[in-house]
Amino acid sequence: MRVIAEVGIVTIISVLLIAGGLALFGLTVWFWKTSRPEPRALARLEIMSERAYRKSSGVDRQFLLEMAEREARESSEKSSALAESN
């Protein structure tokens, strides 16, 4: 008990919180490195679930879907190029 009084309870709690923060940082880095990009097929479904899509007409809907596919394709190409360079 004397050691705790000398070091201080605040210091012990601070060290534990810093260690927890570092553990969470390591977990985040691991998660980002092991995660895979979202499949392109899901881009259309994501757009279809938005309010702008539901309120738009047929031509506007088609435009929104084409934009989503284009963005997904570009994102997929970027991530594959990045994976190949590593």
PDB file of N, CA and C in Angstrom:
ATOM      1  N   MET A   1       0.824  -1.191   0.000  1.00  0.00           N
ATOM      2  CA  MET A   1       0.000   0.000   0.000  1.00  0.00           C
ATOM      3  C   MET A   1       0.867   1.254   0.000  1.00  0.00           C
ATOM      4  N   ARG A   2       2.036   1.138   0.592  1.00  0.00           N
ATOM      5  CA  ARG A   2       2.929   2.284   0.668  1.00  0.00           C
ATOM      6  C   ARG A   2       3.443   2.672  -0.727  1.00  0.00           C
ATOM      7  N   VAL A   3       3.642   1.647  -1.592  1.00  0.00           N
ATOM      8  CA  VAL A   3       4.119   1.911  -2.950  1.00  0.00           C
ATOM      9  C   VAL A   3       3.073   2.717  -3.713  1.00  0.00           C
ATOM     10  N   ILE A   4       1.816   2.367  -3.549  1.00  0.00           N
ATOM     11  CA  ILE A   4       0.731   3.097  -4.221  1.00  0.00           C
ATOM     12  C   ILE A   4       0.696   4.544  -3.745  1.00  0.00           C
ATOM     13  N   ALA A   5       0.896   4.746  -2.487  1.00  0.00           N
ATOM     14  CA  ALA A   5       0.884   6.103  -1.949  1.00  0.00           C
ATOM     15  C   ALA A   5       2.064   6.910  -2.489  1.00  0.00           C
ATOM     16  N   GLU A   6       3.227   6.267  -2.663  1.00  0.00           N
ATOM     17  CA  GLU A   6       4.398   6.976  -3.164  1.00  0.00           C
ATOM     18  C   GLU A   6       4.246   7.336  -4.643  1.00  0.00           C
ATOM     19  N   VAL A   7       3.800   6.386  -5.440  1.00  0.00           N
ATOM     20  CA  VAL A   7       3.670   6.623  -6.871  1.00  0.00           C
ATOM     21  C   VAL A   7       2.462   7.506  -7.152  1.00  0.00           C
ATOM     22  N   GLY A   8       1.419   7.270  -6.469  1.00  0.00           N
ATOM     23  CA  GLY A   8       0.217   8.067  -6.647  1.00  0.00           C
ATOM     24  C   GLY A   8      -0.801   7.350  -7.511  1.00  0.00           C
ATOM     25  N   ILE A   9      -2.000   7.334  -7.044  1.00  0.00           N
ATOM     26  CA  ILE A   9      -3.082   6.667  -7.753  1.00  0.00           C
ATOM     27  C   ILE A   9      -3.353   7.329  -9.102  1.00  0.00           C
ATOM     28  N   VAL A  10      -3.163   8.638  -9.170  1.00  0.00           N
ATOM     29  CA  VAL A  10      -3.401   9.357 -10.432  1.00  0.00           C
ATOM     30  C   VAL A  10      -2.397   8.921 -11.487  1.00  0.00           C
ATOM     31  N   THR A  11      -1.153   8.722 -11.089  1.00  0.00           N
ATOM     32  CA  THR A  11      -0.127   8.283 -12.026  1.00  0.00           C
ATOM     33  C   THR A  11      -0.433   6.881 -12.547  1.00  0.00           C
ATOM     34  N   ILE A  12      -0.864   5.995 -11.677  1.00  0.00           N
ATOM     35  CA  ILE A  12      -1.196   4.626 -12.082  1.00  0.00           C
ATOM     36  C   ILE A  12      -2.369   4.632 -13.059  1.00  0.00           C
ATOM     37  N   ILE A  13      -3.394   5.403 -12.742  1.00  0.00           N
ATOM     38  CA  ILE A  13      -4.548   5.491 -13.641  1.00  0.00           C
ATOM     39  C   ILE A  13      -4.130   6.096 -14.981  1.00  0.00           C
ATOM     40  N   SER A  14      -3.277   7.097 -14.960  1.00  0.00           N
ATOM     41  CA  SER A  14      -2.800   7.714 -16.200  1.00  0.00           C
ATOM     42  C   SER A  14      -2.057   6.718 -17.061  1.00  0.00           C
ATOM     43  N   VAL A  15      -1.199   5.928 -16.470  1.00  0.00           N
ATOM     44  CA  VAL A  15      -0.440   4.925 -17.217  1.00  0.00           C
ATOM     45  C   VAL A  15      -1.382   3.887 -17.818  1.00  0.00           C
ATOM     46  N   LEU A  16      -2.370   3.448 -17.052  1.00  0.00           N
ATOM     47  CA  LEU A  16      -3.343   2.479 -17.560  1.00  0.00           C
ATOM     48  C   LEU A  16      -4.152   3.052 -18.727  1.00  0.00           C
ATOM     49  N   LEU A  17      -4.544   4.304 -18.633  1.00  0.00           N
ATOM     50  CA  LEU A  17      -5.305   4.928 -19.714  1.00  0.00           C
ATOM     51  C   LEU A  17      -4.455   5.102 -20.978  1.00  0.00           C
ATOM     52  N   ILE A  18      -3.200   5.462 -20.793  1.00  0.00           N
ATOM     53  CA  ILE A  18      -2.299   5.590 -21.949  1.00  0.00           C
ATOM     54  C   ILE A  18      -2.087   4.229 -22.598  1.00  0.00           C
ATOM     55  N   ALA A  19      -1.900   3.194 -21.799  1.00  0.00           N
ATOM     56  CA  ALA A  19      -1.727   1.841 -22.341  1.00  0.00           C
ATOM     57  C   ALA A  19      -2.991   1.399 -23.088  1.00  0.00           C
ATOM     58  N   GLY A  20      -4.151   1.728 -22.543  1.00  0.00           N
ATOM     59  CA  GLY A  20      -5.406   1.402 -23.234  1.00  0.00           C
ATOM     60  C   GLY A  20      -5.532   2.141 -24.555  1.00  0.00           C
ATOM     61  N   GLY A  21      -5.132   3.400 -24.571  1.00  0.00           N
ATOM     62  CA  GLY A  21      -5.162   4.174 -25.809  1.00  0.00           C
ATOM     63  C   GLY A  21      -4.238   3.596 -26.863  1.00  0.00           C
ATOM     64  N   LEU A  22      -3.054   3.186 -26.454  1.00  0.00           N
ATOM     65  CA  LEU A  22      -2.111   2.570 -27.398  1.00  0.00           C
ATOM     66  C   LEU A  22      -2.646   1.238 -27.922  1.00  0.00           C
ATOM     67  N   ALA A  23      -3.305   0.481 -27.056  1.00  0.00           N
ATOM     68  CA  ALA A  23      -3.903  -0.781 -27.499  1.00  0.00           C
ATOM     69  C   ALA A  23      -5.002  -0.520 -28.518  1.00  0.00           C
ATOM     70  N   LEU A  24      -5.830   0.479 -28.296  1.00  0.00           N
ATOM     71  CA  LEU A  24      -6.878   0.822 -29.257  1.00  0.00           C
ATOM     72  C   LEU A  24      -6.290   1.314 -30.573  1.00  0.00           C
ATOM     73  N   PHE A  25      -5.214   2.059 -30.507  1.00  0.00           N
ATOM     74  CA  PHE A  25      -4.548   2.515 -31.723  1.00  0.00           C
ATOM     75  C   PHE A  25      -4.020   1.317 -32.519  1.00  0.00           C
ATOM     76  N   GLY A  26      -3.406   0.382 -31.834  1.00  0.00           N
ATOM     77  CA  GLY A  26      -2.908  -0.822 -32.503  1.00  0.00           C
ATOM     78  C   GLY A  26      -4.034  -1.633 -33.124  1.00  0.00           C
ATOM     79  N   LEU A  27      -5.147  -1.733 -32.436  1.00  0.00           N
ATOM     80  CA  LEU A  27      -6.310  -2.437 -32.965  1.00  0.00           C
ATOM     81  C   LEU A  27      -6.856  -1.739 -34.208  1.00  0.00           C
ATOM     82  N   THR A  28      -6.868  -0.426 -34.194  1.00  0.00           N
ATOM     83  CA  THR A  28      -7.340   0.336 -35.355  1.00  0.00           C
ATOM     84  C   THR A  28      -6.436   0.129 -36.557  1.00  0.00           C
ATOM     85  N   VAL A  29      -5.139   0.172 -36.356  1.00  0.00           N
ATOM     86  CA  VAL A  29      -4.189  -0.045 -37.451  1.00  0.00           C
ATOM     87  C   VAL A  29      -4.373  -1.447 -38.013  1.00  0.00           C
ATOM     88  N   TRP A  30      -4.497  -2.438 -37.141  1.00  0.00           N
ATOM     89  CA  TRP A  30      -4.703  -3.812 -37.597  1.00  0.00           C
ATOM     90  C   TRP A  30      -5.997  -3.924 -38.403  1.00  0.00           C
ATOM     91  N   PHE A  31      -7.073  -3.299 -37.925  1.00  0.00           N
ATOM     92  CA  PHE A  31      -8.356  -3.361 -38.618  1.00  0.00           C
ATOM     93  C   PHE A  31      -8.253  -2.756 -40.014  1.00  0.00           C
ATOM     94  N   TRP A  32      -7.630  -1.604 -40.137  1.00  0.00           N
ATOM     95  CA  TRP A  32      -7.520  -0.945 -41.436  1.00  0.00           C
ATOM     96  C   TRP A  32      -6.665  -1.751 -42.399  1.00  0.00           C
ATOM     97  N   LYS A  33      -5.635  -2.425 -41.901  1.00  0.00           N
ATOM     98  CA  LYS A  33      -4.774  -3.208 -42.790  1.00  0.00           C
ATOM     99  C   LYS A  33      -5.444  -4.498 -43.242  1.00  0.00           C
ATOM    100  N   THR A  34      -6.316  -5.062 -42.426  1.00  0.00           N
ATOM    101  CA  THR A  34      -6.935  -6.336 -42.778  1.00  0.00           C
ATOM    102  C   THR A  34      -8.283  -6.184 -43.471  1.00  0.00           C
ATOM    103  N   SER A  35      -8.858  -4.997 -43.475  1.00  0.00           N
ATOM    104  CA  SER A  35     -10.166  -4.824 -44.100  1.00  0.00           C
ATOM    105  C   SER A  35     -10.032  -4.783 -45.615  1.00  0.00           C
ATOM    106  N   ARG A  36     -11.088  -5.191 -46.270  1.00  0.00           N
ATOM    107  CA  ARG A  36     -11.120  -5.187 -47.733  1.00  0.00           C
ATOM    108  C   ARG A  36     -12.042  -4.081 -48.203  1.00  0.00           C
ATOM    109  N   PRO A  37     -11.819  -3.581 -49.417  1.00  0.00           N
ATOM    110  CA  PRO A  37     -12.718  -2.549 -49.934  1.00  0.00           C
ATOM    111  C   PRO A  37     -14.105  -3.126 -50.204  1.00  0.00           C
ATOM    112  N   GLU A  38     -15.070  -2.255 -50.163  1.00  0.00           N
ATOM    113  CA  GLU A  38     -16.463  -2.634 -50.405  1.00  0.00           C
ATOM    114  C   GLU A  38     -16.631  -3.064 -51.869  1.00  0.00           C
ATOM    115  N   PRO A  39     -17.372  -4.150 -52.120  1.00  0.00           N
ATOM    116  CA  PRO A  39     -17.583  -4.567 -53.510  1.00  0.00           C
ATOM    117  C   PRO A  39     -18.339  -3.502 -54.308  1.00  0.00           C
ATOM    118  N   ARG A  40     -18.025  -3.409 -55.600  1.00  0.00           N
ATOM    119  CA  ARG A  40     -18.660  -2.394 -56.438  1.00  0.00           C
ATOM    120  C   ARG A  40     -20.160  -2.600 -56.534  1.00  0.00           C
ATOM    121  N   ALA A  41     -20.608  -3.833 -56.421  1.00  0.00           N
ATOM    122  CA  ALA A  41     -22.037  -4.121 -56.552  1.00  0.00           C
ATOM    123  C   ALA A  41     -22.862  -3.429 -55.467  1.00  0.00           C
ATOM    124  N   LEU A  42     -22.254  -3.140 -54.334  1.00  0.00           N
ATOM    125  CA  LEU A  42     -22.997  -2.506 -53.242  1.00  0.00           C
ATOM    126  C   LEU A  42     -23.191  -1.004 -53.445  1.00  0.00           C
ATOM    127  N   ALA A  43     -22.462  -0.410 -54.362  1.00  0.00           N
ATOM    128  CA  ALA A  43     -22.576   1.038 -54.587  1.00  0.00           C
ATOM    129  C   ALA A  43     -23.990   1.398 -55.047  1.00  0.00           C
ATOM    130  N   ARG A  44     -24.559   0.599 -55.943  1.00  0.00           N
ATOM    131  CA  ARG A  44     -25.916   0.858 -56.427  1.00  0.00           C
ATOM    132  C   ARG A  44     -26.929   0.759 -55.282  1.00  0.00           C
ATOM    133  N   LEU A  45     -26.779  -0.243 -54.432  1.00  0.00           N
ATOM    134  CA  LEU A  45     -27.714  -0.416 -53.323  1.00  0.00           C
ATOM    135  C   LEU A  45     -27.636   0.734 -52.331  1.00  0.00           C
ATOM    136  N   GLU A  46     -26.433   1.235 -52.127  1.00  0.00           N
ATOM    137  CA  GLU A  46     -26.265   2.369 -51.212  1.00  0.00           C
ATOM    138  C   GLU A  46     -27.003   3.596 -51.737  1.00  0.00           C
ATOM    139  N   ILE A  47     -26.901   3.852 -53.026  1.00  0.00           N
ATOM    140  CA  ILE A  47     -27.595   4.993 -53.629  1.00  0.00           C
ATOM    141  C   ILE A  47     -29.100   4.793 -53.559  1.00  0.00           C
ATOM    142  N   MET A  48     -29.559   3.577 -53.807  1.00  0.00           N
ATOM    143  CA  MET A  48     -30.998   3.299 -53.798  1.00  0.00           C
ATOM    144  C   MET A  48     -31.627   3.509 -52.422  1.00  0.00           C
ATOM    145  N   SER A  49     -30.837   3.456 -51.380  1.00  0.00           N
ATOM    146  CA  SER A  49     -31.383   3.628 -50.035  1.00  0.00           C
ATOM    147  C   SER A  49     -31.471   5.094 -49.604  1.00  0.00           C
ATOM    148  N   GLU A  50     -30.952   5.997 -50.415  1.00  0.00           N
ATOM    149  CA  GLU A  50     -30.961   7.410 -50.042  1.00  0.00           C
ATOM    150  C   GLU A  50     -32.266   8.082 -50.444  1.00  0.00           C
ATOM    151  N   ARG A  51     -32.611   9.126 -49.723  1.00  0.00           N
ATOM    152  CA  ARG A  51     -33.846   9.869 -49.960  1.00  0.00           C
ATOM    153  C   ARG A  51     -33.848  10.544 -51.330  1.00  0.00           C
ATOM    154  N   ALA A  52     -32.709  11.063 -51.752  1.00  0.00           N
ATOM    155  CA  ALA A  52     -32.627  11.740 -53.055  1.00  0.00           C
ATOM    156  C   ALA A  52     -33.000  10.786 -54.181  1.00  0.00           C
ATOM    157  N   TYR A  53     -32.623   9.528 -54.051  1.00  0.00           N
ATOM    158  CA  TYR A  53     -32.956   8.549 -55.087  1.00  0.00           C
ATOM    159  C   TYR A  53     -34.460   8.266 -55.095  1.00  0.00           C
ATOM    160  N   ARG A  54     -35.030   8.093 -53.922  1.00  0.00           N
ATOM    161  CA  ARG A  54     -36.460   7.771 -53.846  1.00  0.00           C
ATOM    162  C   ARG A  54     -37.331   8.906 -54.355  1.00  0.00           C
ATOM    163  N   LYS A  55     -36.895  10.154 -54.194  1.00  0.00           N
ATOM    164  CA  LYS A  55     -37.699  11.300 -54.605  1.00  0.00           C
ATOM    165  C   LYS A  55     -37.447  11.709 -56.056  1.00  0.00           C
ATOM    166  N   SER A  56     -36.453  11.107 -56.701  1.00  0.00           N
ATOM    167  CA  SER A  56     -36.098  11.539 -58.052  1.00  0.00           C
ATOM    168  C   SER A  56     -36.891  10.763 -59.110  1.00  0.00           C
ATOM    169  N   SER A  57     -36.858  11.308 -60.328  1.00  0.00           N
ATOM    170  CA  SER A  57     -37.554  10.656 -61.441  1.00  0.00           C
ATOM    171  C   SER A  57     -36.649   9.581 -62.057  1.00  0.00           C
ATOM    172  N   GLY A  58     -37.143   8.901 -63.079  1.00  0.00           N
ATOM    173  CA  GLY A  58     -36.399   7.808 -63.704  1.00  0.00           C
ATOM    174  C   GLY A  58     -35.068   8.232 -64.281  1.00  0.00           C
ATOM    175  N   VAL A  59     -35.041   9.372 -64.983  1.00  0.00           N
ATOM    176  CA  VAL A  59     -33.787   9.833 -65.597  1.00  0.00           C
ATOM    177  C   VAL A  59     -32.778  10.208 -64.519  1.00  0.00           C
ATOM    178  N   ASP A  60     -33.246  10.903 -63.503  1.00  0.00           N
ATOM    179  CA  ASP A  60     -32.353  11.286 -62.408  1.00  0.00           C
ATOM    180  C   ASP A  60     -31.840  10.058 -61.660  1.00  0.00           C
ATOM    181  N   ARG A  61     -32.690   9.067 -61.496  1.00  0.00           N
ATOM    182  CA  ARG A  61     -32.266   7.842 -60.826  1.00  0.00           C
ATOM    183  C   ARG A  61     -31.150   7.158 -61.611  1.00  0.00           C
ATOM    184  N   GLN A  62     -31.327   7.091 -62.910  1.00  0.00           N
ATOM    185  CA  GLN A  62     -30.311   6.460 -63.744  1.00  0.00           C
ATOM    186  C   GLN A  62     -28.988   7.220 -63.641  1.00  0.00           C
ATOM    187  N   PHE A  63     -29.059   8.547 -63.617  1.00  0.00           N
ATOM    188  CA  PHE A  63     -27.855   9.370 -63.483  1.00  0.00           C
ATOM    189  C   PHE A  63     -27.168   9.090 -62.143  1.00  0.00           C
ATOM    190  N   LEU A  64     -27.953   9.025 -61.064  1.00  0.00           N
ATOM    191  CA  LEU A  64     -27.376   8.760 -59.747  1.00  0.00           C
ATOM    192  C   LEU A  64     -26.693   7.393 -59.712  1.00  0.00           C
ATOM    193  N   LEU A  65     -27.323   6.402 -60.330  1.00  0.00           N
ATOM    194  CA  LEU A  65     -26.730   5.063 -60.345  1.00  0.00           C
ATOM    195  C   LEU A  65     -25.451   5.024 -61.167  1.00  0.00           C
ATOM    196  N   GLU A  66     -25.447   5.719 -62.289  1.00  0.00           N
ATOM    197  CA  GLU A  66     -24.235   5.758 -63.115  1.00  0.00           C
ATOM    198  C   GLU A  66     -23.095   6.455 -62.389  1.00  0.00           C
ATOM    199  N   MET A  67     -23.412   7.529 -61.671  1.00  0.00           N
ATOM    200  CA  MET A  67     -22.380   8.234 -60.892  1.00  0.00           C
ATOM    201  C   MET A  67     -21.814   7.316 -59.803  1.00  0.00           C
ATOM    202  N   ALA A  68     -22.688   6.576 -59.136  1.00  0.00           N
ATOM    203  CA  ALA A  68     -22.237   5.674 -58.078  1.00  0.00           C
ATOM    204  C   ALA A  68     -21.338   4.588 -58.647  1.00  0.00           C
ATOM    205  N   GLU A  69     -21.707   4.045 -59.806  1.00  0.00           N
ATOM    206  CA  GLU A  69     -20.876   3.012 -60.430  1.00  0.00           C
ATOM    207  C   GLU A  69     -19.518   3.573 -60.840  1.00  0.00           C
ATOM    208  N   ARG A  70     -19.512   4.780 -61.375  1.00  0.00           N
ATOM    209  CA  ARG A  70     -18.254   5.396 -61.798  1.00  0.00           C
ATOM    210  C   ARG A  70     -17.341   5.628 -60.595  1.00  0.00           C
ATOM    211  N   GLU A  71     -17.908   6.147 -59.515  1.00  0.00           N
ATOM    212  CA  GLU A  71     -17.104   6.386 -58.315  1.00  0.00           C
ATOM    213  C   GLU A  71     -16.584   5.077 -57.735  1.00  0.00           C
ATOM    214  N   ALA A  72     -17.417   4.036 -57.739  1.00  0.00           N
ATOM    215  CA  ALA A  72     -16.985   2.741 -57.218  1.00  0.00           C
ATOM    216  C   ALA A  72     -15.876   2.155 -58.073  1.00  0.00           C
ATOM    217  N   ARG A  73     -15.978   2.311 -59.379  1.00  0.00           N
ATOM    218  CA  ARG A  73     -14.956   1.790 -60.281  1.00  0.00           C
ATOM    219  C   ARG A  73     -13.624   2.518 -60.051  1.00  0.00           C
ATOM    220  N   GLU A  74     -13.690   3.851 -59.934  1.00  0.00           N
ATOM    221  CA  GLU A  74     -12.467   4.625 -59.705  1.00  0.00           C
ATOM    222  C   GLU A  74     -11.841   4.276 -58.368  1.00  0.00           C
ATOM    223  N   SER A  75     -12.675   4.111 -57.355  1.00  0.00           N
ATOM    224  CA  SER A  75     -12.177   3.755 -56.033  1.00  0.00           C
ATOM    225  C   SER A  75     -11.547   2.366 -56.052  1.00  0.00           C
ATOM    226  N   SER A  76     -12.174   1.455 -56.768  1.00  0.00           N
ATOM    227  CA  SER A  76     -11.651   0.095 -56.881  1.00  0.00           C
ATOM    228  C   SER A  76     -10.312   0.083 -57.600  1.00  0.00           C
ATOM    229  N   GLU A  77     -10.200   0.876 -58.652  1.00  0.00           N
ATOM    230  CA  GLU A  77      -8.939   0.943 -59.389  1.00  0.00           C
ATOM    231  C   GLU A  77      -7.832   1.541 -58.531  1.00  0.00           C
ATOM    232  N   LYS A  78      -8.165   2.564 -57.739  1.00  0.00           N
ATOM    233  CA  LYS A  78      -7.168   3.177 -56.859  1.00  0.00           C
ATOM    234  C   LYS A  78      -6.691   2.177 -55.806  1.00  0.00           C
ATOM    235  N   SER A  79      -7.628   1.456 -55.184  1.00  0.00           N
ATOM    236  CA  SER A  79      -7.241   0.528 -54.123  1.00  0.00           C
ATOM    237  C   SER A  79      -6.456  -0.637 -54.678  1.00  0.00           C
ATOM    238  N   SER A  80      -6.777  -1.106 -55.894  1.00  0.00           N
ATOM    239  CA  SER A  80      -5.996  -2.202 -56.463  1.00  0.00           C
ATOM    240  C   SER A  80      -4.599  -1.726 -56.860  1.00  0.00           C
ATOM    241  N   ALA A  81      -4.484  -0.503 -57.351  1.00  0.00           N
ATOM    242  CA  ALA A  81      -3.169   0.037 -57.692  1.00  0.00           C
ATOM    243  C   ALA A  81      -2.328   0.216 -56.430  1.00  0.00           C
ATOM    244  N   LEU A  82      -2.962   0.656 -55.354  1.00  0.00           N
ATOM    245  CA  LEU A  82      -2.258   0.823 -54.091  1.00  0.00           C
ATOM    246  C   LEU A  82      -1.810  -0.517 -53.533  1.00  0.00           C
ATOM    247  N   ALA A  83      -2.669  -1.533 -53.654  1.00  0.00           N
ATOM    248  CA  ALA A  83      -2.311  -2.867 -53.166  1.00  0.00           C
ATOM    249  C   ALA A  83      -1.158  -3.461 -53.964  1.00  0.00           C
ATOM    250  N   GLU A  84      -1.138  -3.204 -55.265  1.00  0.00           N
ATOM    251  CA  GLU A  84      -0.057  -3.725 -56.098  1.00  0.00           C
ATOM    252  C   GLU A  84       1.278  -3.046 -55.786  1.00  0.00           C
ATOM    253  N   SER A  85       1.222  -1.767 -55.416  1.00  0.00           N
ATOM    254  CA  SER A  85       2.468  -1.055 -55.118  1.00  0.00           C
ATOM    255  C   SER A  85       3.061  -1.475 -53.790  1.00  0.00           C
ATOM    256  N   ASN A  86       2.226  -2.012 -52.885  1.00  0.00           N
ATOM    257  CA  ASN A  86       2.734  -2.466 -51.583  1.00  0.00           C
ATOM    258  C   ASN A  86       3.154  -3.877 -51.737  1.00  0.00           C
TER     259      ASN A  86
END
